[in-house]
mmCIF file of all heavy atoms, coordinates in Angstrom:
data_MODEL
# 
_entry.id   MODEL 
# 
loop_
_atom_site.group_PDB 
_atom_site.id 
_atom_site.type_symbol 
_atom_site.label_atom_id 
_atom_site.label_alt_id 
_atom_site.label_comp_id 
_atom_site.label_asym_id 
_atom_site.label_entity_id 
_atom_site.label_seq_id 
_atom_site.pdbx_PDB_ins_code 
_atom_site.Cartn_x 
_atom_site.Cartn_y 
_atom_site.Cartn_z 
_atom_site.occupancy 
_atom_site.B_iso_or_equiv 
_atom_site.pdbx_formal_charge 
_atom_site.auth_seq_id 
_atom_site.auth_comp_id 
_atom_site.auth_asym_id 
_atom_site.auth_atom_id 
_atom_site.pdbx_PDB_model_num 
ATOM 1   N N   . ALA A 1 1  ? 0.851   -1.197 0.000   1.00 0.00 ? 1  ALA A N   1 
ATOM 2   C CA  . ALA A 1 1  ? 0.000   0.000  0.000   1.00 0.00 ? 1  ALA A CA  1 
ATOM 3   C C   . ALA A 1 1  ? 0.884   1.243  0.000   1.00 0.00 ? 1  ALA A C   1 
ATOM 4   O O   . ALA A 1 1  ? 1.377   1.663  1.046   1.00 0.00 ? 1  ALA A O   1 
ATOM 5   C CB  . ALA A 1 1  ? -0.920  -0.008 1.214   1.00 0.00 ? 1  ALA A CB  1 
ATOM 6   N N   . GLY A 1 2  ? 1.082   1.818  -1.172  1.00 0.00 ? 2  GLY A N   1 
ATOM 7   C CA  . GLY A 1 2  ? 2.018   2.931  -1.305  1.00 0.00 ? 2  GLY A CA  1 
ATOM 8   C C   . GLY A 1 2  ? 1.531   4.242  -0.744  1.00 0.00 ? 2  GLY A C   1 
ATOM 9   O O   . GLY A 1 2  ? 2.329   5.062  -0.278  1.00 0.00 ? 2  GLY A O   1 
ATOM 10  N N   . ALA A 1 3  ? 0.213   4.483  -0.780  1.00 0.00 ? 3  ALA A N   1 
ATOM 11  C CA  . ALA A 1 3  ? -0.315  5.776  -0.352  1.00 0.00 ? 3  ALA A CA  1 
ATOM 12  C C   . ALA A 1 3  ? -1.806  5.667  -0.144  1.00 0.00 ? 3  ALA A C   1 
ATOM 13  O O   . ALA A 1 3  ? -2.475  4.776  -0.690  1.00 0.00 ? 3  ALA A O   1 
ATOM 14  C CB  . ALA A 1 3  ? -0.007  6.853  -1.399  1.00 0.00 ? 3  ALA A CB  1 
ATOM 15  N N   . VAL A 1 4  ? -2.345  6.614  0.641   1.00 0.00 ? 4  VAL A N   1 
ATOM 16  C CA  . VAL A 1 4  ? -3.787  6.735  0.823   1.00 0.00 ? 4  VAL A CA  1 
ATOM 17  C C   . VAL A 1 4  ? -4.172  8.189  0.594   1.00 0.00 ? 4  VAL A C   1 
ATOM 18  O O   . VAL A 1 4  ? -3.460  9.107  1.012   1.00 0.00 ? 4  VAL A O   1 
ATOM 19  C CB  . VAL A 1 4  ? -4.222  6.242  2.231   1.00 0.00 ? 4  VAL A CB  1 
ATOM 20  C CG1 . VAL A 1 4  ? -3.524  7.030  3.334   1.00 0.00 ? 4  VAL A CG1 1 
ATOM 21  C CG2 . VAL A 1 4  ? -5.731  6.324  2.389   1.00 0.00 ? 4  VAL A CG2 1 
ATOM 22  N N   . MET A 1 5  ? -5.287  8.399  -0.095  1.00 0.00 ? 5  MET A N   1 
ATOM 23  C CA  . MET A 1 5  ? -5.805  9.739  -0.376  1.00 0.00 ? 5  MET A CA  1 
ATOM 24  C C   . MET A 1 5  ? -7.260  9.818  0.041   1.00 0.00 ? 5  MET A C   1 
ATOM 25  O O   . MET A 1 5  ? -7.980  8.817  0.034   1.00 0.00 ? 5  MET A O   1 
ATOM 26  C CB  . MET A 1 5  ? -5.664  10.063 -1.866  1.00 0.00 ? 5  MET A CB  1 
ATOM 27  C CG  . MET A 1 5  ? -4.223  10.188 -2.334  1.00 0.00 ? 5  MET A CG  1 
ATOM 28  S SD  . MET A 1 5  ? -4.079  10.198 -4.147  1.00 0.00 ? 5  MET A SD  1 
ATOM 29  C CE  . MET A 1 5  ? -4.182  8.433  -4.486  1.00 0.00 ? 5  MET A CE  1 
ATOM 30  N N   . LEU A 1 6  ? -7.694  11.016 0.398   1.00 0.00 ? 6  LEU A N   1 
ATOM 31  C CA  . LEU A 1 6  ? -9.058  11.237 0.864   1.00 0.00 ? 6  LEU A CA  1 
ATOM 32  C C   . LEU A 1 6  ? -9.944  11.701 -0.280  1.00 0.00 ? 6  LEU A C   1 
ATOM 33  O O   . LEU A 1 6  ? -9.517  12.483 -1.119  1.00 0.00 ? 6  LEU A O   1 
ATOM 34  C CB  . LEU A 1 6  ? -9.079  12.300 1.961   1.00 0.00 ? 6  LEU A CB  1 
ATOM 35  C CG  . LEU A 1 6  ? -8.113  12.121 3.131   1.00 0.00 ? 6  LEU A CG  1 
ATOM 36  C CD1 . LEU A 1 6  ? -8.218  13.313 4.080   1.00 0.00 ? 6  LEU A CD1 1 
ATOM 37  C CD2 . LEU A 1 6  ? -8.390  10.825 3.864   1.00 0.00 ? 6  LEU A CD2 1 
ATOM 38  N N   . CYS A 1 7  ? -11.189 11.220 -0.285  1.00 0.00 ? 7  CYS A N   1 
ATOM 39  C CA  . CYS A 1 7  ? -12.185 11.691 -1.245  1.00 0.00 ? 7  CYS A CA  1 
ATOM 40  C C   . CYS A 1 7  ? -13.220 12.546 -0.514  1.00 0.00 ? 7  CYS A C   1 
ATOM 41  O O   . CYS A 1 7  ? -13.412 12.415 0.700   1.00 0.00 ? 7  CYS A O   1 
ATOM 42  C CB  . CYS A 1 7  ? -12.872 10.522 -1.940  1.00 0.00 ? 7  CYS A CB  1 
ATOM 43  S SG  . CYS A 1 7  ? -11.787 9.597  -3.040  1.00 0.00 ? 7  CYS A SG  1 
ATOM 44  N N   . GLY A 1 8  ? -13.878 13.404 -1.250  1.00 0.00 ? 8  GLY A N   1 
ATOM 45  C CA  . GLY A 1 8  ? -14.808 14.343 -0.654  1.00 0.00 ? 8  GLY A CA  1 
ATOM 46  C C   . GLY A 1 8  ? -15.970 13.702 0.060   1.00 0.00 ? 8  GLY A C   1 
ATOM 47  O O   . GLY A 1 8  ? -16.558 14.288 0.961   1.00 0.00 ? 8  GLY A O   1 
ATOM 48  N N   . ASP A 1 9  ? -16.332 12.493 -0.328  1.00 0.00 ? 9  ASP A N   1 
ATOM 49  C CA  . ASP A 1 9  ? -17.455 11.806 0.325   1.00 0.00 ? 9  ASP A CA  1 
ATOM 50  C C   . ASP A 1 9  ? -16.975 10.869 1.430   1.00 0.00 ? 9  ASP A C   1 
ATOM 51  O O   . ASP A 1 9  ? -17.706 9.974  1.849   1.00 0.00 ? 9  ASP A O   1 
ATOM 52  C CB  . ASP A 1 9  ? -18.269 11.033 -0.713  1.00 0.00 ? 9  ASP A CB  1 
ATOM 53  C CG  . ASP A 1 9  ? -17.431 9.947  -1.392  1.00 0.00 ? 9  ASP A CG  1 
ATOM 54  O OD1 . ASP A 1 9  ? -16.226 9.883  -1.114  1.00 0.00 ? 9  ASP A OD1 1 
ATOM 55  O OD2 . ASP A 1 9  ? -17.989 9.180  -2.184  1.00 0.00 ? 9  ASP A OD2 1 
ATOM 56  N N   . GLU A 1 10 ? -15.751 11.072 1.886   1.00 0.00 ? 10 GLU A N   1 
ATOM 57  C CA  . GLU A 1 10 ? -15.118 10.277 2.941   1.00 0.00 ? 10 GLU A CA  1 
ATOM 58  C C   . GLU A 1 10 ? -14.667 8.907  2.461   1.00 0.00 ? 10 GLU A C   1 
ATOM 59  O O   . GLU A 1 10 ? -14.232 8.075  3.262   1.00 0.00 ? 10 GLU A O   1 
ATOM 60  C CB  . GLU A 1 10 ? -16.010 10.155 4.186   1.00 0.00 ? 10 GLU A CB  1 
ATOM 61  C CG  . GLU A 1 10 ? -16.286 11.496 4.854   1.00 0.00 ? 10 GLU A CG  1 
ATOM 62  C CD  . GLU A 1 10 ? -16.953 11.363 6.215   1.00 0.00 ? 10 GLU A CD  1 
ATOM 63  O OE1 . GLU A 1 10 ? -16.994 10.243 6.749   1.00 0.00 ? 10 GLU A OE1 1 
ATOM 64  O OE2 . GLU A 1 10 ? -17.416 12.384 6.728   1.00 0.00 ? 10 GLU A OE2 1 
ATOM 65  N N   . ALA A 1 11 ? -14.786 8.631  1.179   1.00 0.00 ? 11 ALA A N   1 
ATOM 66  C CA  . ALA A 1 11 ? -14.174 7.425  0.631   1.00 0.00 ? 11 ALA A CA  1 
ATOM 67  C C   . ALA A 1 11 ? -12.657 7.640  0.556   1.00 0.00 ? 11 ALA A C   1 
ATOM 68  O O   . ALA A 1 11 ? -12.150 8.745  0.783   1.00 0.00 ? 11 ALA A O   1 
ATOM 69  C CB  . ALA A 1 11 ? -14.747 7.124  -0.745  1.00 0.00 ? 11 ALA A CB  1 
ATOM 70  N N   . LEU A 1 12 ? -11.945 6.579  0.239   1.00 0.00 ? 12 LEU A N   1 
ATOM 71  C CA  . LEU A 1 12 ? -10.497 6.631  0.141   1.00 0.00 ? 12 LEU A CA  1 
ATOM 72  C C   . LEU A 1 12 ? -10.043 6.113  -1.217  1.00 0.00 ? 12 LEU A C   1 
ATOM 73  O O   . LEU A 1 12 ? -10.698 5.261  -1.820  1.00 0.00 ? 12 LEU A O   1 
ATOM 74  C CB  . LEU A 1 12 ? -9.845  5.767  1.224   1.00 0.00 ? 12 LEU A CB  1 
ATOM 75  C CG  . LEU A 1 12 ? -10.182 6.048  2.680   1.00 0.00 ? 12 LEU A CG  1 
ATOM 76  C CD1 . LEU A 1 12 ? -9.533  4.984  3.568   1.00 0.00 ? 12 LEU A CD1 1 
ATOM 77  C CD2 . LEU A 1 12 ? -9.737  7.432  3.079   1.00 0.00 ? 12 LEU A CD2 1 
ATOM 78  N N   . ILE A 1 13 ? -8.908  6.609  -1.658  1.00 0.00 ? 13 ILE A N   1 
ATOM 79  C CA  . ILE A 1 13 ? -8.184  5.994  -2.764  1.00 0.00 ? 13 ILE A CA  1 
ATOM 80  C C   . ILE A 1 13 ? -6.882  5.465  -2.193  1.00 0.00 ? 13 ILE A C   1 
ATOM 81  O O   . ILE A 1 13 ? -6.134  6.202  -1.542  1.00 0.00 ? 13 ILE A O   1 
ATOM 82  C CB  . ILE A 1 13 ? -7.900  6.989  -3.896  1.00 0.00 ? 13 ILE A CB  1 
ATOM 83  C CG1 . ILE A 1 13 ? -9.199  7.497  -4.512  1.00 0.00 ? 13 ILE A CG1 1 
ATOM 84  C CG2 . ILE A 1 13 ? -7.030  6.327  -4.977  1.00 0.00 ? 13 ILE A CG2 1 
ATOM 85  C CD1 . ILE A 1 13 ? -8.993  8.582  -5.544  1.00 0.00 ? 13 ILE A CD1 1 
ATOM 86  N N   . VAL A 1 14 ? -6.635  4.183  -2.386  1.00 0.00 ? 14 VAL A N   1 
ATOM 87  C CA  . VAL A 1 14 ? -5.407  3.560  -1.905  1.00 0.00 ? 14 VAL A CA  1 
ATOM 88  C C   . VAL A 1 14 ? -4.613  3.070  -3.108  1.00 0.00 ? 14 VAL A C   1 
ATOM 89  O O   . VAL A 1 14 ? -5.160  2.411  -4.002  1.00 0.00 ? 14 VAL A O   1 
ATOM 90  C CB  . VAL A 1 14 ? -5.704  2.390  -0.946  1.00 0.00 ? 14 VAL A CB  1 
ATOM 91  C CG1 . VAL A 1 14 ? -4.406  1.783  -0.434  1.00 0.00 ? 14 VAL A CG1 1 
ATOM 92  C CG2 . VAL A 1 14 ? -6.560  2.867  0.234   1.00 0.00 ? 14 VAL A CG2 1 
ATOM 93  N N   . ALA A 1 15 ? -3.331  3.418  -3.136  1.00 0.00 ? 15 ALA A N   1 
ATOM 94  C CA  . ALA A 1 15 ? -2.439  2.927  -4.182  1.00 0.00 ? 15 ALA A CA  1 
ATOM 95  C C   . ALA A 1 15 ? -1.885  1.580  -3.737  1.00 0.00 ? 15 ALA A C   1 
ATOM 96  O O   . ALA A 1 15 ? -1.186  1.503  -2.717  1.00 0.00 ? 15 ALA A O   1 
ATOM 97  C CB  . ALA A 1 15 ? -1.305  3.919  -4.414  1.00 0.00 ? 15 ALA A CB  1 
ATOM 98  N N   . VAL A 1 16 ? -2.231  0.521  -4.472  1.00 0.00 ? 16 VAL A N   1 
ATOM 99  C CA  . VAL A 1 16 ? -1.810  -0.836 -4.127  1.00 0.00 ? 16 VAL A CA  1 
ATOM 100 C C   . VAL A 1 16 ? -1.015  -1.402 -5.297  1.00 0.00 ? 16 VAL A C   1 
ATOM 101 O O   . VAL A 1 16 ? -1.555  -1.591 -6.395  1.00 0.00 ? 16 VAL A O   1 
ATOM 102 C CB  . VAL A 1 16 ? -3.013  -1.746 -3.813  1.00 0.00 ? 16 VAL A CB  1 
ATOM 103 C CG1 . VAL A 1 16 ? -2.538  -3.130 -3.399  1.00 0.00 ? 16 VAL A CG1 1 
ATOM 104 C CG2 . VAL A 1 16 ? -3.878  -1.136 -2.711  1.00 0.00 ? 16 VAL A CG2 1 
ATOM 105 N N   . ASP A 1 17 ? 0.270   -1.654 -5.058  1.00 0.00 ? 17 ASP A N   1 
ATOM 106 C CA  . ASP A 1 17 ? 1.158   -2.148 -6.115  1.00 0.00 ? 17 ASP A CA  1 
ATOM 107 C C   . ASP A 1 17 ? 1.109   -1.216 -7.327  1.00 0.00 ? 17 ASP A C   1 
ATOM 108 O O   . ASP A 1 17 ? 1.601   -0.100 -7.264  1.00 0.00 ? 17 ASP A O   1 
ATOM 109 C CB  . ASP A 1 17 ? 0.806   -3.587 -6.483  1.00 0.00 ? 17 ASP A CB  1 
ATOM 110 C CG  . ASP A 1 17 ? 1.068   -4.567 -5.346  1.00 0.00 ? 17 ASP A CG  1 
ATOM 111 O OD1 . ASP A 1 17 ? 1.950   -4.282 -4.503  1.00 0.00 ? 17 ASP A OD1 1 
ATOM 112 O OD2 . ASP A 1 17 ? 0.374   -5.600 -5.280  1.00 0.00 ? 17 ASP A OD2 1 
ATOM 113 N N   . HIS A 1 18 ? 0.458   -1.657 -8.426  1.00 0.00 ? 18 HIS A N   1 
ATOM 114 C CA  . HIS A 1 18 ? 0.405   -0.858 -9.652  1.00 0.00 ? 18 HIS A CA  1 
ATOM 115 C C   . HIS A 1 18 ? -0.956  -0.212 -9.888  1.00 0.00 ? 18 HIS A C   1 
ATOM 116 O O   . HIS A 1 18 ? -1.184  0.376  -10.944 1.00 0.00 ? 18 HIS A O   1 
ATOM 117 C CB  . HIS A 1 18 ? 0.732   -1.736 -10.867 1.00 0.00 ? 18 HIS A CB  1 
ATOM 118 C CG  . HIS A 1 18 ? 2.109   -2.320 -10.857 1.00 0.00 ? 18 HIS A CG  1 
ATOM 119 N ND1 . HIS A 1 18 ? 2.401   -3.504 -10.226 1.00 0.00 ? 18 HIS A ND1 1 
ATOM 120 C CD2 . HIS A 1 18 ? 3.275   -1.887 -11.387 1.00 0.00 ? 18 HIS A CD2 1 
ATOM 121 C CE1 . HIS A 1 18 ? 3.693   -3.784 -10.379 1.00 0.00 ? 18 HIS A CE1 1 
ATOM 122 N NE2 . HIS A 1 18 ? 4.239   -2.823 -11.074 1.00 0.00 ? 18 HIS A NE2 1 
ATOM 123 N N   . ASP A 1 19 ? -1.874  -0.328 -8.926  1.00 0.00 ? 19 ASP A N   1 
ATOM 124 C CA  . ASP A 1 19 ? -3.247  0.117  -9.147  1.00 0.00 ? 19 ASP A CA  1 
ATOM 125 C C   . ASP A 1 19 ? -3.690  1.158  -8.123  1.00 0.00 ? 19 ASP A C   1 
ATOM 126 O O   . ASP A 1 19 ? -3.226  1.154  -6.977  1.00 0.00 ? 19 ASP A O   1 
ATOM 127 C CB  . ASP A 1 19 ? -4.218  -1.073 -9.083  1.00 0.00 ? 19 ASP A CB  1 
ATOM 128 C CG  . ASP A 1 19 ? -3.972  -2.083 -10.185 1.00 0.00 ? 19 ASP A CG  1 
ATOM 129 O OD1 . ASP A 1 19 ? -3.634  -1.658 -11.303 1.00 0.00 ? 19 ASP A OD1 1 
ATOM 130 O OD2 . ASP A 1 19 ? -4.097  -3.299 -9.916  1.00 0.00 ? 19 ASP A OD2 1 
ATOM 131 N N   . LEU A 1 20 ? -4.631  2.005  -8.558  1.00 0.00 ? 20 LEU A N   1 
ATOM 132 C CA  . LEU A 1 20 ? -5.326  2.915  -7.655  1.00 0.00 ? 20 LEU A CA  1 
ATOM 133 C C   . LEU A 1 20 ? -6.709  2.328  -7.403  1.00 0.00 ? 20 LEU A C   1 
ATOM 134 O O   . LEU A 1 20 ? -7.440  2.032  -8.348  1.00 0.00 ? 20 LEU A O   1 
ATOM 135 C CB  . LEU A 1 20 ? -5.461  4.310  -8.275  1.00 0.00 ? 20 LEU A CB  1 
ATOM 136 C CG  . LEU A 1 20 ? -4.164  5.056  -8.589  1.00 0.00 ? 20 LEU A CG  1 
ATOM 137 C CD1 . LEU A 1 20 ? -4.485  6.409  -9.209  1.00 0.00 ? 20 LEU A CD1 1 
ATOM 138 C CD2 . LEU A 1 20 ? -3.303  5.236  -7.336  1.00 0.00 ? 20 LEU A CD2 1 
ATOM 139 N N   . ARG A 1 21 ? -7.058  2.172  -6.131  1.00 0.00 ? 21 ARG A N   1 
ATOM 140 C CA  . ARG A 1 21 ? -8.329  1.539  -5.789  1.00 0.00 ? 21 ARG A CA  1 
ATOM 141 C C   . ARG A 1 21 ? -9.196  2.497  -4.982  1.00 0.00 ? 21 ARG A C   1 
ATOM 142 O O   . ARG A 1 21 ? -8.723  3.120  -4.022  1.00 0.00 ? 21 ARG A O   1 
ATOM 143 C CB  . ARG A 1 21 ? -8.098  0.254  -5.000  1.00 0.00 ? 21 ARG A CB  1 
ATOM 144 C CG  . ARG A 1 21 ? -7.327  -0.780 -5.803  1.00 0.00 ? 21 ARG A CG  1 
ATOM 145 C CD  . ARG A 1 21 ? -7.137  -2.063 -5.030  1.00 0.00 ? 21 ARG A CD  1 
ATOM 146 N NE  . ARG A 1 21 ? -6.273  -2.995 -5.750  1.00 0.00 ? 21 ARG A NE  1 
ATOM 147 C CZ  . ARG A 1 21 ? -5.809  -4.122 -5.248  1.00 0.00 ? 21 ARG A CZ  1 
ATOM 148 N NH1 . ARG A 1 21 ? -6.142  -4.466 -4.003  1.00 0.00 ? 21 ARG A NH1 1 
ATOM 149 N NH2 . ARG A 1 21 ? -5.031  -4.915 -5.955  1.00 0.00 ? 21 ARG A NH2 1 
ATOM 150 N N   . LEU A 1 22 ? -10.444 2.573  -5.347  1.00 0.00 ? 22 LEU A N   1 
ATOM 151 C CA  . LEU A 1 22 ? -11.423 3.365  -4.622  1.00 0.00 ? 22 LEU A CA  1 
ATOM 152 C C   . LEU A 1 22 ? -12.074 2.479  -3.563  1.00 0.00 ? 22 LEU A C   1 
ATOM 153 O O   . LEU A 1 22 ? -12.627 1.419  -3.879  1.00 0.00 ? 22 LEU A O   1 
ATOM 154 C CB  . LEU A 1 22 ? -12.479 3.918  -5.574  1.00 0.00 ? 22 LEU A CB  1 
ATOM 155 C CG  . LEU A 1 22 ? -13.590 4.757  -4.937  1.00 0.00 ? 22 LEU A CG  1 
ATOM 156 C CD1 . LEU A 1 22 ? -13.029 6.034  -4.330  1.00 0.00 ? 22 LEU A CD1 1 
ATOM 157 C CD2 . LEU A 1 22 ? -14.676 5.074  -5.969  1.00 0.00 ? 22 LEU A CD2 1 
ATOM 158 N N   . ILE A 1 23 ? -11.999 2.912  -2.324  1.00 0.00 ? 23 ILE A N   1 
ATOM 159 C CA  . ILE A 1 23 ? -12.594 2.177  -1.210  1.00 0.00 ? 23 ILE A CA  1 
ATOM 160 C C   . ILE A 1 23 ? -13.673 3.052  -0.594  1.00 0.00 ? 23 ILE A C   1 
ATOM 161 O O   . ILE A 1 23 ? -13.388 4.130  -0.067  1.00 0.00 ? 23 ILE A O   1 
ATOM 162 C CB  . ILE A 1 23 ? -11.532 1.804  -0.160  1.00 0.00 ? 23 ILE A CB  1 
ATOM 163 C CG1 . ILE A 1 23 ? -10.473 0.892  -0.794  1.00 0.00 ? 23 ILE A CG1 1 
ATOM 164 C CG2 . ILE A 1 23 ? -12.163 1.138  1.039   1.00 0.00 ? 23 ILE A CG2 1 
ATOM 165 C CD1 . ILE A 1 23 ? -9.347  0.531  0.134   1.00 0.00 ? 23 ILE A CD1 1 
ATOM 166 N N   . ASP A 1 24 ? -14.903 2.594  -0.668  1.00 0.00 ? 24 ASP A N   1 
ATOM 167 C CA  . ASP A 1 24 ? -16.047 3.366  -0.191  1.00 0.00 ? 24 ASP A CA  1 
ATOM 168 C C   . ASP A 1 24 ? -16.826 2.525  0.817   1.00 0.00 ? 24 ASP A C   1 
ATOM 169 O O   . ASP A 1 24 ? -17.618 1.650  0.437   1.00 0.00 ? 24 ASP A O   1 
ATOM 170 C CB  . ASP A 1 24 ? -16.938 3.770  -1.358  1.00 0.00 ? 24 ASP A CB  1 
ATOM 171 C CG  . ASP A 1 24 ? -17.926 4.859  -0.982  1.00 0.00 ? 24 ASP A CG  1 
ATOM 172 O OD1 . ASP A 1 24 ? -18.011 5.187  0.216   1.00 0.00 ? 24 ASP A OD1 1 
ATOM 173 O OD2 . ASP A 1 24 ? -18.603 5.396  -1.880  1.00 0.00 ? 24 ASP A OD2 1 
ATOM 174 N N   . GLY A 1 25 ? -16.562 2.752  2.097   1.00 0.00 ? 25 GLY A N   1 
ATOM 175 C CA  . GLY A 1 25 ? -17.252 1.991  3.129   1.00 0.00 ? 25 GLY A CA  1 
ATOM 176 C C   . GLY A 1 25 ? -16.921 0.511  3.053   1.00 0.00 ? 25 GLY A C   1 
ATOM 177 O O   . GLY A 1 25 ? -15.768 0.107  2.878   1.00 0.00 ? 25 GLY A O   1 
ATOM 178 N N   . ASP A 1 26 ? -17.951 -0.314 3.132   1.00 0.00 ? 26 ASP A N   1 
ATOM 179 C CA  . ASP A 1 26 ? -17.765 -1.762 3.105   1.00 0.00 ? 26 ASP A CA  1 
ATOM 180 C C   . ASP A 1 26 ? -17.868 -2.346 1.698   1.00 0.00 ? 26 ASP A C   1 
ATOM 181 O O   . ASP A 1 26 ? -17.821 -3.568 1.528   1.00 0.00 ? 26 ASP A O   1 
ATOM 182 C CB  . ASP A 1 26 ? -18.811 -2.435 4.004   1.00 0.00 ? 26 ASP A CB  1 
ATOM 183 C CG  . ASP A 1 26 ? -18.618 -2.075 5.475   1.00 0.00 ? 26 ASP A CG  1 
ATOM 184 O OD1 . ASP A 1 26 ? -17.450 -1.866 5.874   1.00 0.00 ? 26 ASP A OD1 1 
ATOM 185 O OD2 . ASP A 1 26 ? -19.625 -1.990 6.205   1.00 0.00 ? 26 ASP A OD2 1 
ATOM 186 N N   . ALA A 1 27 ? -18.031 -1.479 0.706   1.00 0.00 ? 27 ALA A N   1 
ATOM 187 C CA  . ALA A 1 27 ? -18.130 -1.960 -0.674  1.00 0.00 ? 27 ALA A CA  1 
ATOM 188 C C   . ALA A 1 27 ? -16.808 -2.588 -1.107  1.00 0.00 ? 27 ALA A C   1 
ATOM 189 O O   . ALA A 1 27 ? -15.737 -2.276 -0.580  1.00 0.00 ? 27 ALA A O   1 
ATOM 190 C CB  . ALA A 1 27 ? -18.506 -0.818 -1.608  1.00 0.00 ? 27 ALA A CB  1 
# 
């Protein structure tokens, strides 16, 4: 997990290996 970023709706973007992943709650 290279980095974590905040989204305006309190979701997160996490950089994992070569990908950017949107994490929104339990989805």
